Protein backbone atom coordinates (compact mmCIF):
# COMPACT_ATOMS: atom_id res chain seq x y z
CA UNK A 1 -0.01 0.01 0.01
CA UNK A 2 2.85 2.29 0.86
CA UNK A 3 4.74 1.59 -2.33
CA UNK A 4 1.66 2.04 -4.43
CA UNK A 5 1.06 5.45 -2.95
CA UNK A 6 4.60 6.55 -3.60
CA UNK A 7 4.44 5.63 -7.30
CA UNK A 8 1.15 7.45 -7.61
CA UNK A 9 2.64 10.56 -6.04
CA UNK A 10 5.64 10.41 -8.45
CA UNK A 11 3.43 10.02 -11.42
CA UNK A 12 1.31 12.97 -10.39
CA UNK A 13 4.41 15.20 -10.02
CA UNK A 14 5.71 14.33 -13.37
CA UNK A 15 2.47 15.32 -15.03
CA UNK A 16 2.47 18.59 -13.12
CA UNK A 17 6.08 19.42 -14.27
CA UNK A 18 5.16 18.61 -17.89
CA UNK A 19 2.16 20.78 -17.81
CA UNK A 20 4.06 23.71 -16.28
CA UNK A 21 6.69 23.42 -19.04
CA UNK A 22 3.95 23.37 -21.84
CA UNK A 23 2.32 26.44 -20.34
CA UNK A 24 5.59 28.36 -20.22
CA UNK A 25 6.33 27.43 -23.86
CA UNK A 26 2.84 28.58 -24.93
CA UNK A 27 3.30 31.89 -23.13
CA UNK A 28 6.67 32.44 -24.75
CA UNK A 29 5.31 31.87 -28.30
CA UNK A 30 2.29 34.16 -27.51
CA UNK A 31 4.80 37.06 -26.77
CA UNK A 32 6.69 36.52 -30.05
CA UNK A 33 9.81 34.78 -28.52
CA UNK A 34 11.33 31.41 -29.18
CA UNK A 35 12.15 28.97 -26.29
CA UNK A 36 15.86 29.21 -25.39
CA UNK A 37 16.51 32.58 -27.11
CA UNK A 38 16.71 36.23 -25.79
CA UNK A 39 14.90 39.00 -27.64
CA UNK A 40 16.78 42.24 -27.95
CA UNK A 41 14.75 45.37 -28.70
CA UNK A 42 15.65 46.97 -32.07
CA UNK A 43 17.04 50.60 -31.53
CA UNK A 44 15.24 53.29 -33.40
CA UNK A 45 17.16 54.44 -36.48
CA UNK A 46 19.41 57.52 -36.02
CA UNK A 47 19.43 60.33 -38.77
CA UNK A 48 22.86 61.74 -39.34
CA UNK A 49 22.90 65.18 -41.05
CA UNK A 50 25.08 65.49 -44.28
CA UNK A 51 28.74 66.37 -43.73
CA UNK A 52 29.40 69.90 -42.75
CA UNK A 53 25.78 70.62 -41.77
CA UNK A 54 24.78 72.07 -38.47
CA UNK A 55 21.30 72.58 -37.53
CA UNK A 56 19.76 74.69 -34.63
CA UNK A 57 16.18 74.80 -33.40
CA UNK A 58 14.13 76.92 -35.63
CA UNK A 59 16.65 76.85 -38.53
CA UNK A 60 16.40 75.46 -42.05
CA UNK A 61 19.29 73.65 -43.66
CA UNK A 62 19.77 73.70 -47.36
CA UNK A 63 22.01 71.64 -49.68
CA UNK A 64 25.74 72.54 -49.84
CA UNK A 65 26.45 72.33 -46.06
CA UNK A 66 25.03 75.65 -45.04
CA UNK A 67 23.32 76.89 -41.97
CA UNK A 68 20.63 79.37 -41.93
CA UNK A 69 19.63 81.52 -39.07
CA UNK A 70 15.99 81.61 -38.00
CA UNK A 71 13.80 83.72 -40.27
CA UNK A 72 16.36 83.71 -43.22
CA UNK A 73 16.49 81.95 -46.52
CA UNK A 74 19.50 80.73 -48.45
CA UNK A 75 20.07 78.95 -51.67
CA UNK A 76 22.44 76.01 -52.51
CA UNK A 77 26.17 76.69 -51.98
CA UNK A 78 25.28 79.43 -49.48
CA UNK A 79 24.47 82.12 -52.00
CA UNK A 80 21.90 84.70 -50.84
CA UNK A 81 18.97 85.40 -53.07
CA UNK A 82 19.61 88.47 -55.37
CA UNK A 83 18.75 91.87 -53.99
CA UNK A 84 15.74 93.55 -55.43
CA UNK A 85 16.47 96.52 -57.61
CA UNK A 86 15.41 99.73 -56.15
CA UNK A 87 15.13 103.19 -57.40
CA UNK A 88 18.05 105.55 -56.94
CA UNK A 89 17.54 107.70 -53.83
CA UNK A 90 17.82 111.41 -53.78
CA UNK A 91 21.19 112.47 -52.31
CA UNK A 92 21.37 113.45 -48.68
CA UNK A 93 21.50 117.18 -47.87
CA UNK A 94 19.94 120.12 -49.59
CA UNK A 95 19.37 119.62 -53.27
CA UNK A 96 19.39 122.31 -55.99
CA UNK A 97 15.59 122.59 -55.63
CA UNK A 98 15.75 122.81 -51.75
CA UNK A 99 18.25 125.77 -51.98
CA UNK A 100 16.35 127.60 -54.67
CA UNK A 101 13.09 127.17 -52.80
CA UNK A 102 14.52 128.67 -49.62
CA UNK A 103 15.90 131.81 -51.57
CA UNK A 104 13.75 134.91 -52.03
CA UNK A 105 15.76 135.58 -55.18
CA UNK A 106 14.52 132.47 -57.08
CA UNK A 107 10.65 132.35 -56.36
CA UNK A 108 9.96 132.80 -60.10
CA UNK A 109 12.37 130.14 -61.06
CA UNK A 110 10.85 127.57 -58.65
CA UNK A 111 7.32 128.36 -59.84
CA UNK A 112 8.49 127.78 -63.42
CA UNK A 113 10.19 124.47 -62.41
CA UNK A 114 7.02 123.27 -60.80
CA UNK A 115 4.98 124.29 -63.93
CA UNK A 116 7.45 122.43 -66.18
CA UNK A 117 7.46 119.37 -63.94
CA UNK A 118 11.29 119.65 -63.49
CA UNK A 119 11.31 119.75 -59.71
CA UNK A 120 11.82 115.86 -59.38
CA UNK A 121 14.60 116.00 -61.96
CA UNK A 122 16.59 118.75 -60.30
CA UNK A 123 16.04 117.17 -56.84
CA UNK A 124 17.37 113.87 -58.14
CA UNK A 125 20.87 112.27 -58.14
CA UNK A 126 22.39 114.52 -60.83
CA UNK A 127 24.83 116.14 -60.62
CA UNK A 128 23.73 119.27 -62.46
CA UNK A 129 24.91 122.72 -62.97
CA UNK A 130 22.10 125.40 -63.05
CA UNK A 131 22.61 128.89 -64.43
CA UNK A 132 19.71 130.17 -62.30
CA UNK A 133 17.96 133.41 -63.39
CA UNK A 134 16.92 135.55 -60.47
CA UNK A 135 13.51 137.16 -60.07
CA UNK A 136 15.03 140.44 -61.50
CA UNK A 137 16.29 138.42 -64.48
CA UNK A 138 12.69 137.18 -65.27
CA UNK A 139 11.38 140.77 -64.77
CA UNK A 140 13.50 141.81 -67.74
CA UNK A 141 11.39 139.81 -70.06
CA UNK A 142 8.62 141.45 -71.98
CA UNK A 143 5.55 142.05 -69.97
CA UNK A 144 3.21 138.97 -69.75
CA UNK A 145 5.90 136.51 -70.88
CA UNK A 146 6.32 134.80 -67.60
CA UNK A 147 2.53 134.42 -66.97
CA UNK A 148 2.19 133.04 -70.49
CA UNK A 149 5.03 130.52 -70.07
CA UNK A 150 3.49 129.23 -66.80
CA UNK A 151 0.28 128.21 -68.53
CA UNK A 152 -0.27 124.39 -68.97
CA UNK A 153 -0.46 124.67 -72.74
CA UNK A 154 3.04 126.13 -72.94
CA UNK A 155 4.62 123.51 -70.71
CA UNK A 156 6.98 122.15 -73.30
CA UNK A 157 8.12 125.54 -74.45
CA UNK A 158 8.90 126.36 -70.73
CA UNK A 159 10.63 123.08 -70.24
CA UNK A 160 12.87 123.83 -73.23
CA UNK A 161 13.73 127.27 -71.79
CA UNK A 162 14.61 125.97 -68.35
CA UNK A 163 16.67 122.99 -69.51
CA UNK A 164 18.74 125.32 -71.60
CA UNK A 165 20.01 126.77 -68.39
CA UNK A 166 21.09 123.33 -67.13
CA UNK A 167 24.39 121.54 -67.78
CA UNK A 168 25.24 117.99 -66.80
CA UNK A 169 27.93 117.60 -64.10
CA UNK A 170 29.00 119.76 -61.30
CA UNK A 171 30.88 122.64 -62.91
CA UNK A 172 32.45 125.18 -60.53
CA UNK A 173 33.49 128.64 -61.74
CA UNK A 174 37.16 127.53 -61.76
CA UNK A 175 36.28 124.69 -64.15
CA UNK A 176 34.50 126.96 -66.60
CA UNK A 177 36.35 127.53 -69.82
CA UNK A 178 35.61 129.87 -72.64
CA UNK A 179 33.79 128.17 -75.52
CA UNK A 180 30.59 126.29 -76.16
CA UNK A 181 29.06 123.92 -73.66
CA UNK A 182 26.15 121.67 -74.42
CA UNK A 183 23.09 121.88 -72.18
CA UNK A 184 20.53 119.37 -71.12
CA UNK A 185 18.17 121.00 -73.66
CA UNK A 186 20.61 119.94 -76.46
CA UNK A 187 21.76 123.38 -77.75
CA UNK A 188 25.03 125.03 -76.75
CA UNK A 189 25.54 127.97 -74.52
CA UNK A 190 28.61 130.19 -74.99
CA UNK A 191 30.91 130.88 -72.03
CA UNK A 192 33.04 134.05 -72.12
CA UNK A 193 35.68 134.90 -69.52
CA UNK A 194 37.36 138.26 -69.28
CA UNK A 195 39.40 138.64 -66.12
CA UNK A 196 37.09 137.68 -63.30
CA UNK A 197 34.01 138.45 -65.24
CA UNK A 198 32.16 135.45 -66.62
CA UNK A 199 29.25 135.57 -68.90
CA UNK A 200 26.91 132.89 -70.20
CA UNK A 201 25.61 134.07 -73.56
CA UNK A 202 24.70 137.60 -72.63
CA UNK A 203 23.99 136.91 -68.89
CA UNK A 204 26.52 137.87 -66.16
CA UNK A 205 27.09 135.48 -63.25
CA UNK A 206 26.09 137.34 -60.08
CA UNK A 207 26.93 134.60 -57.50
CA UNK A 208 28.99 131.56 -58.38
CA UNK A 209 29.45 128.18 -56.81
CA UNK A 210 26.32 127.75 -54.58
CA UNK A 211 26.93 124.19 -53.78
CA UNK A 212 24.06 121.71 -53.30
CA UNK A 213 24.10 118.03 -52.58
CA UNK A 214 23.47 117.26 -56.32
CA UNK A 215 25.22 119.92 -58.01
CA UNK A 216 26.06 123.68 -58.35
CA UNK A 217 24.06 126.85 -58.78
CA UNK A 218 25.40 129.91 -60.52
CA UNK A 219 23.02 132.87 -60.22
CA UNK A 220 22.63 134.99 -63.40
CA UNK A 221 21.17 138.34 -64.08
CA UNK A 222 19.34 137.44 -67.48
CA UNK A 223 17.16 134.69 -68.74
CA UNK A 224 19.02 133.15 -71.70
CA UNK A 225 17.04 132.03 -74.65
CA UNK A 226 17.77 128.72 -76.58
CA UNK A 227 18.33 129.24 -80.31
CA UNK A 228 15.41 128.99 -82.68
CA UNK A 229 15.73 126.03 -84.90
CA UNK A 230 15.33 126.90 -88.60
């Protein structure tokens, strides 16, 4: 009786051990493993930037190994986008028009420049040399001439007259030489020098070398007239 019970107990224990082993194997397969092996987690792939490239938070990296700062844009090989073309700005300081506008001697001239739409031109980059008729010079013209020239219908005639008083470049009194000088209007003026006296056609220079940021003004005592084309 005693031996029988021992065999029964041993058999029961063997069955229990086998069952335990089967249960463990089933659990391992269910978790994707294989009995007798160790599963190692696969590391996440690491992205390595191209050689010579450095990135910072909020920056954008472009081809060619360049690094851009936040809020900027670059093109391949580190070249910056071409700058936009802009209009040439008026020179700093007081222009020819500024100086003429502040002088009580050139009020008629300034009014004529406005009527001929030449203010923007003579306030531009230049440089220009203006032989500027004073108010007294305009008053020498026949009565009613100035008023007639300032009318809209005579704008081109007025523009021709005024540009005949303008020469390209900044020409000081020391640079003036006797002879013909081409004007912006296209015709020539005649410079005559006798001692310290300088005349432009039949006009005398009253005040020379008034320097502006975009040229020079020479005040003259007479309005000079462009030649009439035949």
